[in-house]
Amino acid sequence: MFTGIVSGIGQITHVEPLGVSDQDGVRLFVQANNFDMSRVKLGDSIAIQGACMTVVAFDEHSFQVDVSRESLNKTSGLNKQGEVNLEHAMRLSDTVDGHLVSGHVDGLGEVVHFSPVGESMLLSIQLPKELAPYMAYKGSITVNGVSLTVNHVEDNTQGCIVSINLIPHTVEVTTLKHLKEGSLVNIEIDTIARYVERMLKLKT
């Protein structure tokens, strides 16, 4: 489990195919940058752009993970070089400063608006129909591994558009600063919403 509070920004420096078939996954080589490697060990879970991955090799300044083709097909930003949000798995003694995040990406959203509003940034994301029912005003959403609060939900024929206010600190310490109109982002819905849906289905 994670909290959606980014531990540091890393850099995917190399993407190595794990085979020759288009069904094979890749190995990612991630430079730690300001991510604390002192607590990393073999087999650890690390969220990369919101997707939970397992450490298969590491040294003092970097680590490697294997990403399956299934994960590549359902995520964005794990198949190329570039900056990525990183988060250590949550310890039982940690405070939950964001919200409970599983690291399992539910789908992709598309940025439709990203611009300054006062000292902050307004981020609007088009979500597909299958994710729209889980969005609520002041509810939680994870975008590229970052725990955020939904400020507005507008339903449409494609699903819904969620709008989020990003404070300067969030923009500064995450890769969200690189977003632009048309960018694809990894979305994880709130875990509580999953259980609510399940309970309502069983009662009908």
C-alpha atoms as a PDB file:
ATOM      1  CA  MET A   1       0.000   0.000   0.000  1.00  0.00           C
ATOM      2  CA  PHE A   2       0.976   3.619  -0.599  1.00  0.00           C
ATOM      3  CA  THR A   3      -0.336   7.049   0.380  1.00  0.00           C
ATOM      4  CA  GLY A   4       0.033   9.051  -2.830  1.00  0.00           C
ATOM      5  CA  ILE A   5       2.618  11.327  -1.230  1.00  0.00           C
ATOM      6  CA  VAL A   6       5.580  11.251  -3.613  1.00  0.00           C
ATOM      7  CA  SER A   7       8.885  10.279  -1.946  1.00  0.00           C
ATOM      8  CA  GLY A   8      11.052  11.678  -4.728  1.00  0.00           C
ATOM      9  CA  ILE A   9      11.450  12.138  -8.460  1.00  0.00           C
ATOM     10  CA  GLY A  10      13.535   9.590 -10.331  1.00  0.00           C
ATOM     11  CA  GLN A  11      14.629   9.253 -13.927  1.00  0.00           C
ATOM     12  CA  ILE A  12      14.055   6.286 -16.232  1.00  0.00           C
ATOM     13  CA  THR A  13      17.434   6.182 -17.962  1.00  0.00           C
ATOM     14  CA  HIS A  14      17.076   2.992 -19.979  1.00  0.00           C
ATOM     15  CA  VAL A  15      14.276   0.699 -21.168  1.00  0.00           C
ATOM     16  CA  GLU A  16      15.435  -2.818 -22.021  1.00  0.00           C
ATOM     17  CA  PRO A  17      13.104  -5.290 -23.791  1.00  0.00           C
ATOM     18  CA  LEU A  18      12.750  -8.612 -21.974  1.00  0.00           C
ATOM     19  CA  GLY A  19      12.263 -10.497 -25.246  1.00  0.00           C
ATOM     20  CA  VAL A  20      11.739 -10.088 -28.970  1.00  0.00           C
ATOM     21  CA  SER A  21       7.952 -10.528 -29.056  1.00  0.00           C
ATOM     22  CA  ASP A  22       5.489  -7.646 -28.841  1.00  0.00           C
ATOM     23  CA  GLN A  23       3.958  -9.572 -25.928  1.00  0.00           C
ATOM     24  CA  ASP A  24       7.125  -9.291 -23.833  1.00  0.00           C
ATOM     25  CA  GLY A  25       7.651  -6.727 -21.114  1.00  0.00           C
ATOM     26  CA  VAL A  26      10.593  -4.460 -20.370  1.00  0.00           C
ATOM     27  CA  ARG A  27      13.137  -3.822 -17.656  1.00  0.00           C
ATOM     28  CA  LEU A  28      13.343  -0.248 -16.422  1.00  0.00           C
ATOM     29  CA  PHE A  29      16.577   1.248 -15.116  1.00  0.00           C
ATOM     30  CA  VAL A  30      15.658   4.061 -12.739  1.00  0.00           C
ATOM     31  CA  GLN A  31      18.104   6.678 -11.452  1.00  0.00           C
ATOM     32  CA  ALA A  32      17.107   7.547  -7.903  1.00  0.00           C
ATOM     33  CA  ASN A  33      17.993  11.265  -7.941  1.00  0.00           C
ATOM     34  CA  ASN A  34      16.421  12.601  -4.688  1.00  0.00           C
ATOM     35  CA  PHE A  35      14.695   9.284  -3.852  1.00  0.00           C
ATOM     36  CA  ASP A  36      16.056   7.690  -0.651  1.00  0.00           C
ATOM     37  CA  MET A  37      17.821   4.435  -1.611  1.00  0.00           C
ATOM     38  CA  SER A  38      19.021   3.665   1.916  1.00  0.00           C
ATOM     39  CA  ARG A  39      15.775   1.839   2.735  1.00  0.00           C
ATOM     40  CA  VAL A  40      15.502  -0.068  -0.564  1.00  0.00           C
ATOM     41  CA  LYS A  41      16.086  -3.830  -0.674  1.00  0.00           C
ATOM     42  CA  LEU A  42      15.539  -6.615  -3.189  1.00  0.00           C
ATOM     43  CA  GLY A  43      11.846  -7.411  -3.610  1.00  0.00           C
ATOM     44  CA  ASP A  44      10.624  -4.066  -2.298  1.00  0.00           C
ATOM     45  CA  SER A  45       7.523  -2.481  -3.781  1.00  0.00           C
ATOM     46  CA  ILE A  46       7.987   0.994  -5.251  1.00  0.00           C
ATOM     47  CA  ALA A  47       5.260   3.002  -6.949  1.00  0.00           C
ATOM     48  CA  ILE A  48       6.453   4.429 -10.284  1.00  0.00           C
ATOM     49  CA  GLN A  49       4.021   6.982 -11.733  1.00  0.00           C
ATOM     50  CA  GLY A  50       1.397   5.349  -9.525  1.00  0.00           C
ATOM     51  CA  ALA A  51       2.063   1.754 -10.628  1.00  0.00           C
ATOM     52  CA  CYS A  52       3.374  -0.691  -8.012  1.00  0.00           C
ATOM     53  CA  MET A  53       6.564  -2.405  -9.201  1.00  0.00           C
ATOM     54  CA  THR A  54       8.989  -4.867  -7.580  1.00  0.00           C
ATOM     55  CA  VAL A  55      12.709  -4.113  -7.245  1.00  0.00           C
ATOM     56  CA  VAL A  56      14.720  -6.839  -9.027  1.00  0.00           C
ATOM     57  CA  ALA A  57      18.151  -5.182  -8.739  1.00  0.00           C
ATOM     58  CA  PHE A  58      19.602  -2.067  -7.151  1.00  0.00           C
ATOM     59  CA  ASP A  59      22.723  -0.204  -6.167  1.00  0.00           C
ATOM     60  CA  GLU A  60      23.453   2.943  -4.174  1.00  0.00           C
ATOM     61  CA  HIS A  61      22.040   5.315  -6.771  1.00  0.00           C
ATOM     62  CA  SER A  62      19.533   3.356  -8.888  1.00  0.00           C
ATOM     63  CA  PHE A  63      17.213   0.371  -9.100  1.00  0.00           C
ATOM     64  CA  GLN A  64      15.634  -1.872 -11.725  1.00  0.00           C
ATOM     65  CA  VAL A  65      12.112  -3.244 -12.145  1.00  0.00           C
ATOM     66  CA  ASP A  66      10.477  -5.559 -14.673  1.00  0.00           C
ATOM     67  CA  VAL A  67       7.223  -4.352 -16.216  1.00  0.00           C
ATOM     68  CA  SER A  68       4.888  -6.844 -17.877  1.00  0.00           C
ATOM     69  CA  ARG A  69       3.230  -6.165 -21.212  1.00  0.00           C
ATOM     70  CA  GLU A  70      -0.132  -6.099 -19.424  1.00  0.00           C
ATOM     71  CA  SER A  71       1.100  -3.276 -17.195  1.00  0.00           C
ATOM     72  CA  LEU A  72       2.562  -1.405 -20.157  1.00  0.00           C
ATOM     73  CA  ASN A  73      -0.753  -1.643 -22.002  1.00  0.00           C
ATOM     74  CA  LYS A  74      -2.670  -0.150 -19.083  1.00  0.00           C
ATOM     75  CA  THR A  75      -0.299   2.622 -18.024  1.00  0.00           C
ATOM     76  CA  SER A  76       1.459   5.673 -19.385  1.00  0.00           C
ATOM     77  CA  GLY A  77       5.073   6.752 -18.909  1.00  0.00           C
ATOM     78  CA  LEU A  78       6.612   3.357 -18.131  1.00  0.00           C
ATOM     79  CA  ASN A  79       7.890   2.614 -21.625  1.00  0.00           C
ATOM     80  CA  LYS A  80      10.256   5.523 -22.206  1.00  0.00           C
ATOM     81  CA  GLN A  81      13.009   7.613 -20.657  1.00  0.00           C
ATOM     82  CA  GLY A  82      12.000  10.533 -18.484  1.00  0.00           C
ATOM     83  CA  GLU A  83      11.182  11.741 -14.994  1.00  0.00           C
ATOM     84  CA  VAL A  84       8.863   9.645 -12.834  1.00  0.00           C
ATOM     85  CA  ASN A  85       7.174  10.017  -9.463  1.00  0.00           C
ATOM     86  CA  LEU A  86       8.481   7.486  -6.926  1.00  0.00           C
ATOM     87  CA  GLU A  87       7.029   6.397  -3.594  1.00  0.00           C
ATOM     88  CA  HIS A  88       8.202   3.862  -1.033  1.00  0.00           C
ATOM     89  CA  ALA A  89       5.600   1.361   0.169  1.00  0.00           C
ATOM     90  CA  MET A  90       3.840   2.517   3.314  1.00  0.00           C
ATOM     91  CA  ARG A  91       4.981   1.197   6.695  1.00  0.00           C
ATOM     92  CA  LEU A  92       2.401   0.432   9.385  1.00  0.00           C
ATOM     93  CA  SER A  93       3.928   3.197  11.506  1.00  0.00           C
ATOM     94  CA  ASP A  94       3.581   5.834   8.758  1.00  0.00           C
ATOM     95  CA  THR A  95       0.976   8.580   8.789  1.00  0.00           C
ATOM     96  CA  VAL A  96      -1.493   8.563   5.901  1.00  0.00           C
ATOM     97  CA  ASP A  97      -0.944  12.116   4.696  1.00  0.00           C
ATOM     98  CA  GLY A  98      -2.647  11.445   1.359  1.00  0.00           C
ATOM     99  CA  HIS A  99      -5.101   8.533   1.141  1.00  0.00           C
ATOM    100  CA  LEU A 100      -4.835   4.750   0.891  1.00  0.00           C
ATOM    101  CA  VAL A 101      -3.435   3.876  -2.537  1.00  0.00           C
ATOM    102  CA  SER A 102      -2.917   0.342  -3.842  1.00  0.00           C
ATOM    103  CA  GLY A 103      -0.574   1.140  -6.729  1.00  0.00           C
ATOM    104  CA  HIS A 104      -2.900  -0.609  -9.199  1.00  0.00           C
ATOM    105  CA  VAL A 105      -3.708   1.697 -12.104  1.00  0.00           C
ATOM    106  CA  ASP A 106      -7.421   1.534 -12.996  1.00  0.00           C
ATOM    107  CA  GLY A 107      -7.191   3.343 -16.311  1.00  0.00           C
ATOM    108  CA  LEU A 108      -5.848   6.271 -18.281  1.00  0.00           C
ATOM    109  CA  GLY A 109      -7.091   9.845 -18.281  1.00  0.00           C
ATOM    110  CA  GLU A 110      -6.339  12.610 -20.776  1.00  0.00           C
ATOM    111  CA  VAL A 111      -5.414  16.146 -19.711  1.00  0.00           C
ATOM    112  CA  VAL A 112      -7.828  18.611 -21.313  1.00  0.00           C
ATOM    113  CA  HIS A 113      -6.767  21.724 -19.418  1.00  0.00           C
ATOM    114  CA  PHE A 114      -3.733  22.774 -17.377  1.00  0.00           C
ATOM    115  CA  SER A 115      -3.190  26.446 -16.592  1.00  0.00           C
ATOM    116  CA  PRO A 116      -2.427  28.855 -13.729  1.00  0.00           C
ATOM    117  CA  VAL A 117      -5.245  30.117 -11.519  1.00  0.00           C
ATOM    118  CA  GLY A 118      -3.871  32.593  -9.013  1.00  0.00           C
ATOM    119  CA  GLU A 119      -0.873  30.997  -7.305  1.00  0.00           C
ATOM    120  CA  SER A 120      -2.075  27.475  -8.141  1.00  0.00           C
ATOM    121  CA  MET A 121      -2.628  25.352 -11.247  1.00  0.00           C
ATOM    122  CA  LEU A 122      -5.996  24.089 -12.497  1.00  0.00           C
ATOM    123  CA  LEU A 123      -5.790  20.550 -13.867  1.00  0.00           C
ATOM    124  CA  SER A 124      -8.757  19.060 -15.739  1.00  0.00           C
ATOM    125  CA  ILE A 125      -8.737  15.417 -16.870  1.00  0.00           C
ATOM    126  CA  GLN A 126     -11.131  13.530 -19.121  1.00  0.00           C
ATOM    127  CA  LEU A 127     -11.854  10.113 -17.635  1.00  0.00           C
ATOM    128  CA  PRO A 128     -13.414   7.137 -19.457  1.00  0.00           C
ATOM    129  CA  LYS A 129     -16.942   5.890 -18.705  1.00  0.00           C
ATOM    130  CA  GLU A 130     -15.740   2.983 -16.568  1.00  0.00           C
ATOM    131  CA  LEU A 131     -14.070   5.337 -14.079  1.00  0.00           C
ATOM    132  CA  ALA A 132     -16.675   8.111 -14.033  1.00  0.00           C
ATOM    133  CA  PRO A 133     -18.988   6.527 -11.394  1.00  0.00           C
ATOM    134  CA  TYR A 134     -16.173   6.571  -8.820  1.00  0.00           C
ATOM    135  CA  MET A 135     -15.560  10.323  -9.016  1.00  0.00           C
ATOM    136  CA  ALA A 136     -17.129  12.638  -6.430  1.00  0.00           C
ATOM    137  CA  TYR A 137     -16.785  16.240  -5.303  1.00  0.00           C
ATOM    138  CA  LYS A 138     -14.049  16.415  -2.636  1.00  0.00           C
ATOM    139  CA  GLY A 139     -13.286  12.746  -3.226  1.00  0.00           C
ATOM    140  CA  SER A 140      -9.787  11.332  -3.602  1.00  0.00           C
ATOM    141  CA  ILE A 141      -8.061  10.452  -6.868  1.00  0.00           C
ATOM    142  CA  THR A 142      -4.515   9.355  -7.670  1.00  0.00           C
ATOM    143  CA  VAL A 143      -2.922  10.913 -10.765  1.00  0.00           C
ATOM    144  CA  ASN A 144       0.491   9.530 -11.776  1.00  0.00           C
ATOM    145  CA  GLY A 145       0.915   8.355  -8.204  1.00  0.00           C
ATOM    146  CA  VAL A 146      -0.045  11.674  -6.581  1.00  0.00           C
ATOM    147  CA  SER A 147      -2.911  11.816  -4.073  1.00  0.00           C
ATOM    148  CA  LEU A 148      -5.225  14.669  -5.065  1.00  0.00           C
ATOM    149  CA  THR A 149      -8.673  16.018  -4.192  1.00  0.00           C
ATOM    150  CA  VAL A 150     -11.402  16.379  -6.819  1.00  0.00           C
ATOM    151  CA  ASN A 151     -12.836  19.915  -6.855  1.00  0.00           C
ATOM    152  CA  HIS A 152     -15.404  19.463  -9.617  1.00  0.00           C
ATOM    153  CA  VAL A 153     -16.964  16.651 -11.647  1.00  0.00           C
ATOM    154  CA  GLU A 154     -18.653  17.260 -15.004  1.00  0.00           C
ATOM    155  CA  ASP A 155     -20.317  14.245 -16.631  1.00  0.00           C
ATOM    156  CA  ASN A 156     -20.255  13.942 -20.424  1.00  0.00           C
ATOM    157  CA  THR A 157     -20.837  11.315 -23.117  1.00  0.00           C
ATOM    158  CA  GLN A 158     -17.243  10.064 -22.856  1.00  0.00           C
ATOM    159  CA  GLY A 159     -17.301   9.669 -19.085  1.00  0.00           C
ATOM    160  CA  CYS A 160     -16.536  12.721 -16.990  1.00  0.00           C
ATOM    161  CA  ILE A 161     -14.092  15.576 -16.571  1.00  0.00           C
ATOM    162  CA  VAL A 162     -12.574  16.015 -13.111  1.00  0.00           C
ATOM    163  CA  SER A 163     -10.978  19.296 -12.126  1.00  0.00           C
ATOM    164  CA  ILE A 164      -8.230  19.495  -9.517  1.00  0.00           C
ATOM    165  CA  ASN A 165      -6.443  22.433  -7.905  1.00  0.00           C
ATOM    166  CA  LEU A 166      -2.672  21.910  -7.569  1.00  0.00           C
ATOM    167  CA  ILE A 167      -0.844  24.002  -4.997  1.00  0.00           C
ATOM    168  CA  PRO A 168       2.662  25.241  -5.947  1.00  0.00           C
ATOM    169  CA  HIS A 169       4.367  22.686  -3.657  1.00  0.00           C
ATOM    170  CA  THR A 170       2.674  19.736  -5.385  1.00  0.00           C
ATOM    171  CA  VAL A 171       3.678  21.043  -8.804  1.00  0.00           C
ATOM    172  CA  GLU A 172       7.259  21.619  -7.665  1.00  0.00           C
ATOM    173  CA  VAL A 173       7.920  18.199  -6.087  1.00  0.00           C
ATOM    174  CA  THR A 174       6.178  15.947  -8.639  1.00  0.00           C
ATOM    175  CA  THR A 175       6.271  15.288 -12.371  1.00  0.00           C
ATOM    176  CA  LEU A 176       2.816  16.863 -12.753  1.00  0.00           C
ATOM    177  CA  LYS A 177       4.659  20.037 -13.753  1.00  0.00           C
ATOM    178  CA  HIS A 178       5.342  18.439 -17.144  1.00  0.00           C
ATOM    179  CA  LEU A 179       1.685  17.856 -18.023  1.00  0.00           C
ATOM    180  CA  LYS A 180       0.067  19.566 -20.985  1.00  0.00           C
ATOM    181  CA  GLU A 181      -3.137  19.274 -22.971  1.00  0.00           C
ATOM    182  CA  GLY A 182      -3.293  15.801 -24.492  1.00  0.00           C
ATOM    183  CA  SER A 183      -1.016  14.156 -21.903  1.00  0.00           C
ATOM    184  CA  LEU A 184      -2.113  10.703 -20.752  1.00  0.00           C
ATOM    185  CA  VAL A 185      -2.033  10.094 -16.996  1.00  0.00           C
ATOM    186  CA  ASN A 186      -2.331   7.011 -14.794  1.00  0.00           C
ATOM    187  CA  ILE A 187      -5.505   7.037 -12.699  1.00  0.00           C
ATOM    188  CA  GLU A 188      -6.330   5.068  -9.568  1.00  0.00           C
ATOM    189  CA  ILE A 189      -9.760   5.461  -8.006  1.00  0.00           C
ATOM    190  CA  ASP A 190     -10.340   5.706  -4.258  1.00  0.00           C
ATOM    191  CA  THR A 191     -10.285   2.291  -2.559  1.00  0.00           C
ATOM    192  CA  ILE A 192     -13.342   3.198  -0.483  1.00  0.00           C
ATOM    193  CA  ALA A 193     -15.345   3.712  -3.685  1.00  0.00           C
ATOM    194  CA  ARG A 194     -14.647   0.109  -4.699  1.00  0.00           C
ATOM    195  CA  TYR A 195     -16.171  -1.243  -1.492  1.00  0.00           C
ATOM    196  CA  VAL A 196     -19.184   1.074  -1.706  1.00  0.00           C
ATOM    197  CA  GLU A 197     -19.900  -0.178  -5.232  1.00  0.00           C
ATOM    198  CA  ARG A 198     -19.568  -3.791  -4.122  1.00  0.00           C
ATOM    199  CA  MET A 199     -21.933  -3.347  -1.172  1.00  0.00           C
ATOM    200  CA  LEU A 200     -24.540  -1.564  -3.272  1.00  0.00           C
ATOM    201  CA  LYS A 201     -24.447  -4.289  -5.922  1.00  0.00           C
ATOM    202  CA  LEU A 202     -25.016  -7.026  -3.348  1.00  0.00           C
ATOM    203  CA  LYS A 203     -27.980  -5.164  -1.835  1.00  0.00           C
ATOM    204  CA  THR A 204     -29.826  -4.738  -5.150  1.00  0.00           C
END
